[in-house]
Amino acid sequence: MRGVQCAKSLFLYKNHIQWRDRPTAEQQSRFARGQEVGTLARQLFPGGKDAAALGGRKLARVVEKTRELLAAGESVIYEAAFAHEGVGVQLDILVRRDDKYYAYEVKSSVRVSETYELDASVQYYVITGSGLPLADISIVYLNEAYVREEGPLDLQQLFRQRSVRDVAGFHAPAIRRKIDLLKGVLDRATAPEIDIGPHCHRPYPCDFQGSCWRTVPKHSVFEMADLPVARQFALYRQGMVRMKDVPEAALDRPEQRVQAKAHRTRRPQTDHKALYHFLEPLAYPLYFLHWNAFRTALPGPVGTSPYQLLPFAFGLQYRRSSDEAPRHLEQLAEPEGFPPDDATWRPDPRPFFVKHLLRYTERPGHIVVWEKESLQPLLRDLARVYPAQAEALHERAGRLVSLAEPFRRKWLYKTTMQGKSDWETIRQTMLDDPSRSPFENDWTMEQFYLMWRPGEDLFSREEGQQQFGQHLRDHSEALMRLWEELEQLFRPVLKS
């Protein structure tokens, strides 16, 4: 797939692997998730031999080991490898049934994308071209409608299968032409002249962007908020690389024009009227809520589905007036009761979250969060799951206010924001004091929570409470300070 996406990336991978970008923690996590799902899917076809484990790290050796396993009559082979016309592939699962061979490629997704179909088509082309006829090739993926019940995961219900043999046959002529083209690329002495473009990100982020994008300056058009990718590259190819180079007439949205003006004048931009209308209705008392949740590909708690959002903690600041000190608290659902024989199971944090969120937000007042767009539907979904608390959950959902709104709409914009409006960026640019959280960000905190078993190796129950509690308090306090910053800067001026 690398060469299909970009021939230059394939050349660099073969000849300058040292230029490859280091994977981020998020990318490593996605890779580990894919491995976890792929390993579990093997239980659909148990008793197989792992060609990669037997053959080692070199693909040629795994190809040889696959041939040996096929010759020995193995009915199920994991990580079978094949080579044809100089192209090598590895297949997740190969099954022989009634003297016919069936190929299965496992994806940790809930949908079959065109990219997955093309990937499987390349595998089909190479496997059949190597001399092994395939009766079918299918993609195995997760069933998002599956709901876990008591006991182990029901793999027959958790996974779905879709045949892509017809699609693979359709793509075969194009794959043959592409292979011939890429062979010519690999025979070159220098990398092909291919400029940056949408292919750098689709279907996968290229891991040579650090090399190819090194001449793109900061504050470029690629940081322009809500500017379609095609439009970004159109401006780039017209020589308007920096945001300050783009005339306002060339931009469609007011948020984009604000950014361009800020970078052209090198001055912060403020829409005082819009900020006033945002701030004015939000009188004290106020709650400031920072919450955390996780998603896992394999549903852990009973009653949940793949990738379902499960809240497990929140930090809360309650302030009755601007003159009164805030009351703060942190609530964390501690995971416990893990069975030794099921690594996929985990306790359900939702009852704890619902109980304590409703308890500590009983008093009137808007609930200020960073983005209500994710919490509002979550609370409404929880109302469906817990009908006894449905009325209260809907009431809380109606009181949410997004503090991200002024920054997303660019009513307040600084060039140091670089077109972004995420929580971490706005916090760093608007507040002077650094984070006191022991975790780099929310995502890191959530990953540690998924690994935490109170009293085991990661850290003790008391250490966990302290570490997670500090993160929740730090972020809820920062949310409150950001609100105070807006109020202090703009409300007195506007009221006068």
Protein backbone atom coordinates (compact mmCIF):
# COMPACT_ATOMS: atom_id res chain seq x y z
CA MET A 1 0.00 0.00 0.00
CA ARG A 2 2.93 2.37 0.57
CA GLY A 3 3.80 2.46 -3.13
CA VAL A 4 0.16 2.77 -4.15
CA GLN A 5 -0.18 5.84 -1.93
CA CYS A 6 3.11 7.47 -2.96
CA ALA A 7 5.98 6.17 -5.09
CA LYS A 8 8.42 8.55 -3.41
CA SER A 9 7.54 7.14 0.01
CA LEU A 10 8.32 3.64 -1.26
CA PHE A 11 11.68 4.78 -2.64
CA LEU A 12 12.61 6.47 0.64
CA TYR A 13 11.50 3.42 2.63
CA LYS A 14 13.82 1.20 0.58
CA ASN A 15 16.80 3.53 0.30
CA HIS A 16 16.62 6.01 3.20
CA ILE A 17 14.82 4.27 6.02
CA GLN A 18 16.80 6.41 8.48
CA TRP A 19 14.73 9.44 7.38
CA ARG A 20 11.52 7.81 8.54
CA ASP A 21 9.59 9.71 11.22
CA ARG A 22 9.41 8.12 14.64
CA PRO A 23 5.90 6.82 15.38
CA THR A 24 3.90 8.80 17.90
CA ALA A 25 2.47 7.22 21.03
CA GLU A 26 -0.98 7.34 19.45
CA GLN A 27 0.27 5.52 16.33
CA GLN A 28 1.97 2.87 18.45
CA SER A 29 -1.27 2.43 20.37
CA ARG A 30 -3.25 1.92 17.15
CA PHE A 31 -0.70 -0.66 16.01
CA ALA A 32 -0.98 -2.50 19.34
CA ARG A 33 -4.77 -2.39 19.07
CA GLY A 34 -4.61 -3.97 15.62
CA GLN A 35 -2.36 -6.72 16.96
CA GLU A 36 -4.76 -7.38 19.85
CA VAL A 37 -7.76 -7.70 17.53
CA GLY A 38 -5.81 -9.79 15.03
CA THR A 39 -4.65 -12.20 17.72
CA LEU A 40 -8.19 -12.63 19.04
CA ALA A 41 -9.55 -13.23 15.53
CA ARG A 42 -7.29 -16.26 15.23
CA GLN A 43 -9.64 -18.02 17.64
CA LEU A 44 -12.21 -18.05 14.81
CA PHE A 45 -9.83 -20.51 13.14
CA PRO A 46 -7.97 -22.17 16.03
CA GLY A 47 -5.08 -24.58 15.99
CA GLY A 48 -3.00 -22.89 13.30
CA LYS A 49 0.75 -22.49 12.90
CA ASP A 50 2.34 -19.02 12.94
CA ALA A 51 4.62 -18.74 9.91
CA ALA A 52 6.13 -15.46 11.11
CA ALA A 53 7.01 -16.88 14.52
CA LEU A 54 8.60 -19.90 12.86
CA GLY A 55 10.29 -18.03 10.02
CA GLY A 56 11.74 -15.00 11.78
CA ARG A 57 11.73 -11.32 10.87
CA LYS A 58 12.90 -11.55 7.24
CA LEU A 59 10.02 -11.84 4.78
CA ALA A 60 11.90 -14.22 2.47
CA ARG A 61 12.34 -16.67 5.34
CA VAL A 62 8.63 -16.43 6.23
CA VAL A 63 7.74 -17.10 2.57
CA GLU A 64 9.89 -20.22 2.70
CA LYS A 65 8.33 -21.34 5.99
CA THR A 66 4.85 -20.79 4.52
CA ARG A 67 5.71 -23.10 1.62
CA GLU A 68 6.87 -25.73 4.09
CA LEU A 69 3.65 -25.49 6.10
CA LEU A 70 1.54 -25.75 2.95
CA ALA A 71 3.52 -28.78 1.80
CA ALA A 72 3.01 -30.36 5.22
CA GLY A 73 -0.75 -30.03 4.80
CA GLU A 74 -1.40 -27.48 7.56
CA SER A 75 -5.05 -26.46 7.49
CA VAL A 76 -4.64 -23.08 9.24
CA ILE A 77 -1.62 -20.77 8.90
CA TYR A 78 -1.25 -17.40 10.60
CA GLU A 79 0.89 -14.64 9.03
CA ALA A 80 1.42 -16.66 5.85
CA ALA A 81 3.78 -14.85 3.45
CA PHE A 82 3.91 -14.91 -0.34
CA ALA A 83 5.99 -13.27 -3.06
CA HIS A 84 5.22 -12.61 -6.72
CA GLU A 85 6.79 -10.26 -9.28
CA GLY A 86 9.06 -8.84 -6.61
CA VAL A 87 6.19 -7.97 -4.26
CA GLY A 88 5.81 -9.61 -0.85
CA VAL A 89 2.69 -9.76 1.31
CA GLN A 90 1.69 -11.29 4.63
CA LEU A 91 -1.81 -12.55 5.28
CA ASP A 92 -3.38 -12.66 8.73
CA ILE A 93 -5.09 -16.05 8.36
CA LEU A 94 -5.00 -18.72 5.63
CA VAL A 95 -7.43 -21.64 5.91
CA ARG A 96 -7.66 -24.85 3.90
CA ARG A 97 -11.17 -26.27 3.86
CA ASP A 98 -12.39 -29.07 1.56
CA ASP A 99 -9.13 -28.85 -0.39
CA LYS A 100 -9.71 -25.16 -1.12
CA TYR A 101 -7.89 -22.17 0.33
CA TYR A 102 -9.55 -19.17 1.94
CA ALA A 103 -7.75 -15.96 2.89
CA TYR A 104 -8.74 -13.67 5.76
CA GLU A 105 -7.37 -10.22 6.51
CA VAL A 106 -8.30 -8.84 9.95
CA LYS A 107 -9.03 -5.16 10.59
CA SER A 108 -9.69 -3.50 13.94
CA SER A 109 -12.34 -1.29 12.36
CA VAL A 110 -16.14 -1.46 12.35
CA ARG A 111 -16.34 -0.74 8.60
CA VAL A 112 -14.73 -2.02 5.41
CA SER A 113 -13.18 0.92 3.59
CA GLU A 114 -12.04 1.15 -0.02
CA THR A 115 -8.49 1.22 1.32
CA TYR A 116 -9.00 -2.14 3.02
CA GLU A 117 -10.46 -3.54 -0.19
CA LEU A 118 -7.47 -2.35 -2.20
CA ASP A 119 -5.07 -3.75 0.39
CA ALA A 120 -6.79 -7.15 0.18
CA SER A 121 -6.77 -6.92 -3.62
CA VAL A 122 -2.97 -6.59 -3.63
CA GLN A 123 -2.75 -9.62 -1.35
CA TYR A 124 -5.06 -11.61 -3.61
CA TYR A 125 -3.00 -10.67 -6.67
CA VAL A 126 0.29 -11.73 -5.07
CA ILE A 127 -1.01 -14.92 -3.42
CA THR A 128 -2.74 -16.24 -6.54
CA GLY A 129 0.15 -15.09 -8.71
CA SER A 130 2.56 -17.07 -6.53
CA GLY A 131 0.71 -20.25 -7.48
CA LEU A 132 -1.79 -20.73 -4.64
CA PRO A 133 -5.39 -20.58 -5.89
CA LEU A 134 -7.82 -18.88 -3.50
CA ALA A 135 -11.47 -19.86 -3.38
CA ASP A 136 -12.16 -16.56 -1.62
CA ILE A 137 -10.57 -13.67 0.24
CA SER A 138 -12.45 -11.87 3.00
CA ILE A 139 -11.99 -9.00 5.41
CA VAL A 140 -12.73 -9.77 9.05
CA TYR A 141 -13.82 -6.69 11.00
CA LEU A 142 -15.63 -5.71 14.19
CA ASN A 143 -19.41 -5.68 14.51
CA GLU A 144 -20.31 -2.31 16.05
CA ALA A 145 -23.81 -3.63 16.92
CA TYR A 146 -22.39 -6.40 19.10
CA VAL A 147 -23.19 -5.99 22.81
CA ARG A 148 -21.12 -7.94 25.28
CA GLU A 149 -22.98 -10.28 27.61
CA GLU A 150 -21.84 -12.07 30.75
CA GLY A 151 -18.91 -14.39 30.18
CA PRO A 152 -16.28 -14.44 27.43
CA LEU A 153 -16.66 -12.50 24.21
CA ASP A 154 -18.84 -14.23 21.61
CA LEU A 155 -16.40 -14.14 18.71
CA GLN A 156 -18.95 -15.32 16.16
CA GLN A 157 -21.03 -12.25 16.97
CA LEU A 158 -18.14 -9.85 17.62
CA PHE A 159 -16.60 -10.33 14.18
CA ARG A 160 -18.10 -9.93 10.73
CA GLN A 161 -16.72 -11.18 7.43
CA ARG A 162 -17.06 -9.70 3.95
CA SER A 163 -15.82 -11.33 0.78
CA VAL A 164 -13.82 -8.99 -1.47
CA ARG A 165 -12.88 -11.51 -4.14
CA ASP A 166 -14.88 -9.75 -6.86
CA VAL A 167 -13.31 -6.41 -5.93
CA ALA A 168 -9.86 -8.02 -6.02
CA GLY A 169 -10.50 -9.34 -9.50
CA PHE A 170 -11.61 -5.90 -10.65
CA HIS A 171 -8.41 -4.27 -9.35
CA ALA A 172 -6.03 -6.90 -10.77
CA PRO A 173 -5.17 -5.12 -14.08
CA ALA A 174 -4.48 -1.82 -12.30
CA ILE A 175 -2.33 -3.59 -9.69
CA ARG A 176 -0.27 -5.21 -12.43
CA ARG A 177 0.37 -1.83 -14.06
CA LYS A 178 1.21 -0.24 -10.71
CA ILE A 179 3.74 -2.96 -9.89
CA ASP A 180 5.53 -2.38 -13.20
CA LEU A 181 5.61 1.36 -12.50
CA LEU A 182 6.95 0.94 -8.97
CA LYS A 183 9.68 -1.43 -10.12
CA GLY A 184 10.94 1.40 -12.29
CA VAL A 185 10.87 3.75 -9.31
CA LEU A 186 12.93 1.37 -7.19
CA ASP A 187 15.50 1.03 -9.98
CA ARG A 188 16.16 4.78 -9.89
CA ALA A 189 19.30 6.27 -8.37
CA THR A 190 17.38 9.20 -6.88
CA ALA A 191 13.91 9.71 -5.45
CA PRO A 192 11.16 10.69 -7.90
CA GLU A 193 10.16 14.35 -7.93
CA ILE A 194 6.77 14.22 -6.23
CA ASP A 195 5.57 17.33 -4.42
CA ILE A 196 3.57 17.21 -1.21
CA GLY A 197 -0.17 16.78 -1.65
CA PRO A 198 -3.29 15.17 -0.22
CA HIS A 199 -1.63 11.77 -0.71
CA CYS A 200 0.66 12.64 2.23
CA HIS A 201 -2.30 12.05 4.55
CA ARG A 202 -4.62 9.68 2.70
CA PRO A 203 -5.35 6.93 3.21
CA TYR A 204 -2.66 6.88 5.92
CA PRO A 205 -0.37 9.62 7.28
CA CYS A 206 2.98 9.12 5.57
CA ASP A 207 5.93 8.53 7.90
CA PHE A 208 8.31 10.56 5.72
CA GLN A 209 6.54 13.88 6.20
CA GLY A 210 9.43 15.11 8.31
CA SER A 211 11.57 14.88 5.18
CA CYS A 212 9.14 16.00 2.49
CA TRP A 213 7.50 18.79 4.49
CA ARG A 214 10.63 20.30 6.02
CA THR A 215 10.51 23.38 3.76
CA VAL A 216 6.91 24.22 4.69
CA PRO A 217 7.14 27.15 7.13
CA LYS A 218 5.22 27.70 10.33
CA HIS A 219 1.91 29.52 10.04
CA SER A 220 1.31 28.04 6.61
CA VAL A 221 -2.03 27.69 4.82
CA PHE A 222 -2.11 24.10 6.08
CA GLU A 223 -2.88 25.51 9.54
CA MET A 224 -5.90 27.44 8.29
CA ALA A 225 -9.03 26.45 10.23
CA ASP A 226 -11.69 24.51 8.31
CA LEU A 227 -10.00 25.12 4.97
CA PRO A 228 -10.58 22.06 2.75
CA VAL A 229 -7.43 20.12 1.92
CA ALA A 230 -7.89 20.67 -1.81
CA ARG A 231 -8.11 24.42 -1.23
CA GLN A 232 -4.99 24.38 0.97
CA PHE A 233 -2.92 22.77 -1.76
CA ALA A 234 -4.43 25.03 -4.43
CA LEU A 235 -3.20 28.08 -2.50
CA TYR A 236 0.15 26.40 -1.86
CA ARG A 237 0.68 25.75 -5.58
CA GLN A 238 -0.22 29.36 -6.36
CA GLY A 239 2.66 30.47 -4.14
CA MET A 240 0.51 31.51 -1.17
CA VAL A 241 2.26 29.28 1.34
CA ARG A 242 2.00 31.40 4.49
CA MET A 243 -1.31 32.50 5.94
CA LYS A 244 -0.19 36.11 5.76
CA ASP A 245 0.18 35.76 1.97
CA VAL A 246 -3.49 34.88 1.44
CA PRO A 247 -5.78 37.83 0.60
CA GLU A 248 -9.00 37.88 2.58
CA ALA A 249 -11.01 37.83 -0.66
CA ALA A 250 -9.63 34.35 -1.38
CA LEU A 251 -11.12 32.95 1.83
CA ASP A 252 -14.74 31.90 2.31
CA ARG A 253 -15.19 31.75 6.08
CA PRO A 254 -14.85 34.57 8.61
CA GLU A 255 -12.69 32.36 10.84
CA GLN A 256 -10.17 32.01 8.02
CA ARG A 257 -10.13 35.73 7.33
CA VAL A 258 -9.46 36.41 11.02
CA GLN A 259 -6.47 34.07 10.93
CA ALA A 260 -5.05 35.62 7.77
CA LYS A 261 -5.40 39.12 9.22
CA ALA A 262 -3.75 38.13 12.51
CA HIS A 263 -0.73 36.69 10.72
CA ARG A 264 -0.54 39.59 8.29
CA THR A 265 -0.69 42.26 11.03
CA ARG A 266 1.06 40.15 13.69
CA ARG A 267 -1.59 41.24 16.17
CA PRO A 268 -4.20 39.24 18.11
CA GLN A 269 -7.72 39.52 16.75
CA THR A 270 -10.72 39.94 19.03
CA ASP A 271 -14.42 40.09 18.21
CA HIS A 272 -15.59 41.97 21.30
CA LYS A 273 -19.26 41.92 20.35
CA ALA A 274 -19.35 38.16 19.80
CA LEU A 275 -17.49 37.54 23.05
CA TYR A 276 -19.90 39.77 24.92
CA HIS A 277 -22.93 37.87 23.63
CA PHE A 278 -21.23 34.60 24.60
CA LEU A 279 -20.29 35.71 28.12
CA GLU A 280 -23.34 37.75 29.08
CA PRO A 281 -25.87 34.92 29.63
CA LEU A 282 -23.48 32.90 31.76
CA ALA A 283 -23.94 34.31 35.24
CA TYR A 284 -22.77 32.67 38.45
CA PRO A 285 -23.15 30.11 39.94
CA LEU A 286 -21.05 28.08 37.52
CA TYR A 287 -19.63 24.58 37.35
CA PHE A 288 -16.35 23.89 35.54
CA LEU A 289 -16.19 20.25 34.51
CA HIS A 290 -13.28 18.33 33.01
CA TRP A 291 -14.06 14.69 32.28
CA ASN A 292 -12.25 11.67 30.92
CA ALA A 293 -13.41 8.61 29.03
CA PHE A 294 -11.89 5.74 27.07
CA ARG A 295 -12.72 3.65 24.02
CA THR A 296 -11.46 0.15 23.33
CA ALA A 297 -11.82 -1.94 20.19
CA LEU A 298 -12.80 -4.98 22.24
CA PRO A 299 -15.72 -4.24 24.58
CA GLY A 300 -14.67 -4.82 28.18
CA PRO A 301 -17.70 -4.11 30.39
CA VAL A 302 -20.88 -6.15 30.03
CA GLY A 303 -23.47 -4.24 28.01
CA THR A 304 -20.99 -2.33 25.85
CA SER A 305 -19.96 -2.44 22.19
CA PRO A 306 -16.71 -1.94 20.24
CA TYR A 307 -15.35 1.60 20.51
CA GLN A 308 -18.15 2.73 22.81
CA LEU A 309 -17.22 5.85 24.78
CA LEU A 310 -17.09 5.04 28.51
CA PRO A 311 -16.61 7.89 31.02
CA PHE A 312 -14.67 7.03 34.15
CA ALA A 313 -13.61 10.26 35.90
CA PHE A 314 -14.20 13.97 36.27
CA GLY A 315 -12.80 16.99 38.03
CA LEU A 316 -15.24 19.69 39.09
CA GLN A 317 -14.94 23.28 40.27
CA TYR A 318 -18.10 24.92 41.64
CA ARG A 319 -18.18 28.68 42.04
CA ARG A 320 -21.17 30.55 43.44
CA SER A 321 -19.79 34.01 42.65
CA SER A 322 -16.67 35.73 41.38
CA ASP A 323 -15.79 36.74 44.95
CA GLU A 324 -16.18 33.29 46.50
CA ALA A 325 -13.46 30.67 46.48
CA PRO A 326 -14.34 27.65 44.33
CA ARG A 327 -15.19 24.26 45.76
CA HIS A 328 -13.38 21.48 43.99
CA LEU A 329 -13.52 17.70 43.91
CA GLU A 330 -12.29 14.81 41.78
CA GLN A 331 -14.14 11.56 41.19
CA LEU A 332 -12.52 8.42 39.76
CA ALA A 333 -14.08 5.02 39.12
CA GLU A 334 -11.43 2.61 40.36
CA PRO A 335 -11.15 -0.53 38.21
CA GLU A 336 -11.19 -3.76 40.19
CA GLY A 337 -12.32 -7.37 40.06
CA PHE A 338 -10.35 -8.37 36.97
CA PRO A 339 -10.68 -12.11 36.24
CA PRO A 340 -7.36 -13.90 35.71
CA ASP A 341 -8.62 -15.85 32.68
CA ASP A 342 -10.07 -13.05 30.51
CA ALA A 343 -7.80 -10.19 29.48
CA THR A 344 -10.59 -8.42 27.57
CA TRP A 345 -13.00 -7.98 30.51
CA ARG A 346 -13.00 -4.83 32.60
CA PRO A 347 -15.45 -3.26 35.08
CA ASP A 348 -18.05 -0.76 33.91
CA PRO A 349 -17.24 2.79 35.12
CA ARG A 350 -20.54 4.31 33.94
CA PRO A 351 -22.68 3.70 37.06
CA PHE A 352 -20.06 5.46 39.20
CA PHE A 353 -19.76 8.35 36.75
CA VAL A 354 -23.53 8.87 36.48
CA LYS A 355 -24.13 8.65 40.23
CA HIS A 356 -21.45 11.14 41.20
CA LEU A 357 -21.92 13.56 38.31
CA LEU A 358 -25.62 13.91 39.14
CA ARG A 359 -24.92 14.19 42.84
CA TYR A 360 -22.39 17.00 42.55
CA THR A 361 -24.21 19.04 39.90
CA GLU A 362 -27.61 19.13 41.61
CA ARG A 363 -27.57 22.87 42.27
CA PRO A 364 -28.60 25.28 39.49
CA GLY A 365 -25.96 26.75 37.23
CA HIS A 366 -24.43 26.33 33.80
CA ILE A 367 -21.90 23.50 33.48
CA VAL A 368 -18.89 24.82 31.58
CA VAL A 369 -16.93 22.16 29.69
CA TRP A 370 -14.39 22.47 26.94
CA GLU A 371 -16.55 20.87 24.24
CA LYS A 372 -20.15 19.90 24.88
CA GLU A 373 -20.41 18.25 21.45
CA SER A 374 -19.05 14.97 22.83
CA LEU A 375 -20.48 15.08 26.36
CA GLN A 376 -24.04 16.00 25.39
CA PRO A 377 -24.68 12.89 23.23
CA LEU A 378 -22.89 10.78 25.83
CA LEU A 379 -25.24 11.96 28.60
CA ARG A 380 -28.24 11.28 26.37
CA ASP A 381 -26.94 7.80 25.64
CA LEU A 382 -26.46 7.22 29.37
CA ALA A 383 -30.07 8.32 29.88
CA ARG A 384 -31.13 5.48 27.60
CA VAL A 385 -28.98 2.98 29.51
CA TYR A 386 -30.11 4.21 32.95
CA PRO A 387 -33.79 5.19 32.59
CA ALA A 388 -34.19 5.92 36.31
CA GLN A 389 -31.69 8.78 35.92
CA ALA A 390 -32.82 9.80 32.42
CA GLU A 391 -34.59 13.02 33.40
CA ALA A 392 -31.64 14.26 35.45
CA LEU A 393 -29.13 13.34 32.74
CA HIS A 394 -31.11 15.19 30.07
CA GLU A 395 -31.34 18.18 32.40
CA ARG A 396 -27.55 18.23 32.86
CA ALA A 397 -27.04 17.91 29.09
CA GLY A 398 -29.16 21.02 28.62
CA ARG A 399 -26.97 23.05 30.98
CA LEU A 400 -23.68 22.41 29.19
CA VAL A 401 -21.70 25.30 27.71
CA SER A 402 -18.68 24.91 25.40
CA LEU A 403 -15.78 27.14 26.37
CA ALA A 404 -14.14 26.12 23.09
CA GLU A 405 -16.73 28.09 21.13
CA PRO A 406 -14.98 31.51 21.16
CA PHE A 407 -11.73 29.91 20.06
CA ARG A 408 -13.27 27.63 17.46
CA ARG A 409 -15.10 30.61 15.94
CA LYS A 410 -11.91 32.72 16.20
CA TRP A 411 -13.59 35.43 18.28
CA LEU A 412 -10.24 35.48 20.05
CA TYR A 413 -7.22 34.43 18.04
CA LYS A 414 -3.46 34.68 18.51
CA THR A 415 -0.88 33.63 15.95
CA THR A 416 0.67 31.26 18.51
CA MET A 417 -2.50 29.16 18.28
CA GLN A 418 -1.43 28.17 14.74
CA GLY A 419 -5.01 27.71 13.59
CA LYS A 420 -5.82 25.19 16.32
CA SER A 421 -8.63 25.29 18.85
CA ASP A 422 -7.99 22.12 20.85
CA TRP A 423 -7.84 22.22 24.64
CA GLU A 424 -4.08 21.74 25.01
CA THR A 425 -3.21 24.46 22.49
CA ILE A 426 -5.60 27.05 23.92
CA ARG A 427 -4.50 26.32 27.46
CA GLN A 428 -0.84 26.81 26.58
CA THR A 429 -1.43 30.05 24.69
CA MET A 430 -3.90 31.65 27.09
CA LEU A 431 -2.59 30.64 30.53
CA ASP A 432 0.89 31.39 31.77
CA ASP A 433 1.39 28.61 34.30
CA PRO A 434 2.39 25.15 33.04
CA SER A 435 0.34 22.05 33.65
CA ARG A 436 0.88 20.33 37.00
CA SER A 437 -0.58 17.06 35.77
CA PRO A 438 1.71 13.99 35.91
CA PHE A 439 0.37 13.04 32.46
CA GLU A 440 1.24 14.74 29.18
CA ASN A 441 -2.38 15.07 28.10
CA ASP A 442 -5.84 13.50 28.43
CA TRP A 443 -5.04 10.71 25.99
CA THR A 444 -1.99 9.66 28.01
CA MET A 445 -3.98 9.74 31.23
CA GLU A 446 -6.67 7.54 29.68
CA GLN A 447 -4.07 5.01 28.47
CA PHE A 448 -2.58 4.77 31.95
CA TYR A 449 -6.06 4.24 33.36
CA LEU A 450 -6.62 1.32 30.98
CA MET A 451 -3.39 -0.27 32.24
CA TRP A 452 -4.07 0.41 35.92
CA ARG A 453 -4.81 -2.48 38.23
CA PRO A 454 -4.93 -0.99 41.76
CA GLY A 455 -2.31 -2.61 43.95
CA GLU A 456 -0.38 -4.18 41.08
CA ASP A 457 2.82 -3.18 39.28
CA LEU A 458 1.89 0.15 37.62
CA PHE A 459 1.26 2.00 40.89
CA SER A 460 -0.62 1.42 44.13
CA ARG A 461 -4.22 2.38 44.79
CA GLU A 462 -3.12 5.47 46.73
CA GLU A 463 -0.61 6.48 44.06
CA GLY A 464 -3.24 6.03 41.36
CA GLN A 465 -5.75 8.15 43.22
CA GLN A 466 -3.12 10.85 43.66
CA GLN A 467 -1.88 10.80 40.06
CA PHE A 468 -5.29 10.74 38.39
CA GLY A 469 -6.73 13.14 40.95
CA GLN A 470 -3.96 15.66 40.26
CA HIS A 471 -4.68 15.51 36.54
CA LEU A 472 -8.40 16.06 37.06
CA ARG A 473 -7.88 18.93 39.47
CA ASP A 474 -5.26 20.58 37.27
CA HIS A 475 -7.46 20.51 34.18
CA SER A 476 -10.69 21.60 35.87
CA GLU A 477 -8.82 24.48 37.52
CA ALA A 478 -7.31 25.45 34.15
CA LEU A 479 -10.79 25.47 32.61
CA MET A 480 -11.97 27.82 35.36
CA ARG A 481 -8.92 30.07 34.99
CA LEU A 482 -9.50 30.29 31.26
CA TRP A 483 -13.06 31.40 31.92
CA GLU A 484 -11.81 33.99 34.42
CA GLU A 485 -9.30 35.23 31.85
CA LEU A 486 -12.06 35.83 29.32
CA GLU A 487 -14.29 37.45 31.92
CA GLN A 488 -11.57 39.71 33.27
CA LEU A 489 -10.37 40.80 29.85
CA PHE A 490 -13.66 41.51 28.16
CA ARG A 491 -16.68 41.81 30.43
CA PRO A 492 -15.68 45.12 32.14
CA VAL A 493 -14.72 46.70 28.82
CA LEU A 494 -17.88 45.65 27.07
CA LYS A 495 -20.23 46.67 29.87
CA SER A 496 -18.73 50.13 29.89
